[in-house]
Amino acid sequence: MDLEVVCRGGAQAKVVPGGGSVPKQVTLQRFGELWASGELTRMYPDHVKPKRSVEQDVYRLDRHV
């Protein structure tokens, strides 16, 4: 899965206006926020596909993580 590449730090963020890259150390909560908001897709479009189930994912993260 390409998301694993991002998690391991093996992907380079694309330059996006007002954006940045994921810091070397990030909490699981922050990573979930970046993922659910679509920010990871904007930063790493070659590695992270757009989300289709954001509401369900946010619910699962809030409920189970």
C-alpha atoms as a PDB file:
ATOM      1  CA  MET A   1       0.000   0.000   0.000  1.00  0.00           C
ATOM      2  CA  ASP A   2       1.364   3.437  -0.910  1.00  0.00           C
ATOM      3  CA  LEU A   3       0.226   4.919   2.405  1.00  0.00           C
ATOM      4  CA  GLU A   4       2.861   2.706   4.048  1.00  0.00           C
ATOM      5  CA  VAL A   5       5.516   4.472   1.963  1.00  0.00           C
ATOM      6  CA  VAL A   6       4.354   7.818   3.356  1.00  0.00           C
ATOM      7  CA  CYS A   7       4.328   6.453   6.927  1.00  0.00           C
ATOM      8  CA  ARG A   8       7.894   5.168   6.589  1.00  0.00           C
ATOM      9  CA  GLY A   9       9.038   8.521   5.226  1.00  0.00           C
ATOM     10  CA  GLY A  10       9.804   7.136   1.769  1.00  0.00           C
ATOM     11  CA  ALA A  11       7.667   9.621  -0.157  1.00  0.00           C
ATOM     12  CA  GLN A  12       8.446  13.210  -1.012  1.00  0.00           C
ATOM     13  CA  ALA A  13       5.656  15.742  -0.574  1.00  0.00           C
ATOM     14  CA  LYS A  14       4.605  17.702  -3.623  1.00  0.00           C
ATOM     15  CA  VAL A  15       4.888  21.442  -3.255  1.00  0.00           C
ATOM     16  CA  VAL A  16       1.430  22.766  -2.460  1.00  0.00           C
ATOM     17  CA  PRO A  17       0.529  26.371  -1.727  1.00  0.00           C
ATOM     18  CA  GLY A  18       0.156  26.800   2.017  1.00  0.00           C
ATOM     19  CA  GLY A  19       1.069  23.169   2.535  1.00  0.00           C
ATOM     20  CA  GLY A  20       4.014  21.342   3.872  1.00  0.00           C
ATOM     21  CA  SER A  21       5.073  17.842   4.613  1.00  0.00           C
ATOM     22  CA  VAL A  22       4.298  15.494   7.445  1.00  0.00           C
ATOM     23  CA  PRO A  23       6.833  16.034  10.237  1.00  0.00           C
ATOM     24  CA  LYS A  24       9.255  13.214  11.083  1.00  0.00           C
ATOM     25  CA  GLN A  25       7.329  12.549  14.292  1.00  0.00           C
ATOM     26  CA  VAL A  26       3.564  12.878  14.200  1.00  0.00           C
ATOM     27  CA  THR A  27       0.903  11.606  16.589  1.00  0.00           C
ATOM     28  CA  LEU A  28      -1.609   9.053  15.402  1.00  0.00           C
ATOM     29  CA  GLN A  29      -4.325  11.642  16.024  1.00  0.00           C
ATOM     30  CA  ARG A  30      -2.601  14.203  13.780  1.00  0.00           C
ATOM     31  CA  PHE A  31      -1.951  11.587  11.110  1.00  0.00           C
ATOM     32  CA  GLY A  32      -5.645  10.634  11.186  1.00  0.00           C
ATOM     33  CA  GLU A  33      -6.602  14.277  10.841  1.00  0.00           C
ATOM     34  CA  LEU A  34      -4.295  14.728   7.842  1.00  0.00           C
ATOM     35  CA  TRP A  35      -5.633  11.549   6.261  1.00  0.00           C
ATOM     36  CA  ALA A  36      -9.341  12.222   6.856  1.00  0.00           C
ATOM     37  CA  SER A  37      -9.110  15.871   5.792  1.00  0.00           C
ATOM     38  CA  GLY A  38      -7.533  14.960   2.463  1.00  0.00           C
ATOM     39  CA  GLU A  39      -4.344  16.856   3.296  1.00  0.00           C
ATOM     40  CA  LEU A  40      -2.215  13.722   2.817  1.00  0.00           C
ATOM     41  CA  THR A  41      -3.700  13.297  -0.649  1.00  0.00           C
ATOM     42  CA  ARG A  42      -2.818  16.896  -1.508  1.00  0.00           C
ATOM     43  CA  MET A  43       0.723  16.523  -0.131  1.00  0.00           C
ATOM     44  CA  TYR A  44       1.384  13.046  -1.575  1.00  0.00           C
ATOM     45  CA  PRO A  45      -0.877  12.657  -4.640  1.00  0.00           C
ATOM     46  CA  ASP A  46       1.337   9.937  -6.117  1.00  0.00           C
ATOM     47  CA  HIS A  47       0.993   7.797  -2.985  1.00  0.00           C
ATOM     48  CA  VAL A  48      -2.327   8.527  -1.239  1.00  0.00           C
ATOM     49  CA  LYS A  49      -5.610   8.112  -3.076  1.00  0.00           C
ATOM     50  CA  PRO A  50      -8.526  10.477  -2.371  1.00  0.00           C
ATOM     51  CA  LYS A  51     -10.824   9.353   0.448  1.00  0.00           C
ATOM     52  CA  ARG A  52     -14.386   8.280  -0.332  1.00  0.00           C
ATOM     53  CA  SER A  53     -15.518   7.302   3.164  1.00  0.00           C
ATOM     54  CA  VAL A  54     -14.355  10.219   5.275  1.00  0.00           C
ATOM     55  CA  GLU A  55     -17.298  10.245   7.678  1.00  0.00           C
ATOM     56  CA  GLN A  56     -16.980   6.513   8.343  1.00  0.00           C
ATOM     57  CA  ASP A  57     -13.219   6.773   8.807  1.00  0.00           C
ATOM     58  CA  VAL A  58     -13.532   9.689  11.239  1.00  0.00           C
ATOM     59  CA  TYR A  59     -16.152   7.740  13.189  1.00  0.00           C
ATOM     60  CA  ARG A  60     -13.899   4.673  13.380  1.00  0.00           C
ATOM     61  CA  LEU A  61     -10.865   6.696  14.432  1.00  0.00           C
ATOM     62  CA  ASP A  62     -12.856   8.546  17.140  1.00  0.00           C
ATOM     63  CA  ARG A  63     -14.548   5.401  18.367  1.00  0.00           C
ATOM     64  CA  HIS A  64     -11.753   2.828  18.233  1.00  0.00           C
ATOM     65  CA  VAL A  65      -8.406   4.588  18.299  1.00  0.00           C
END
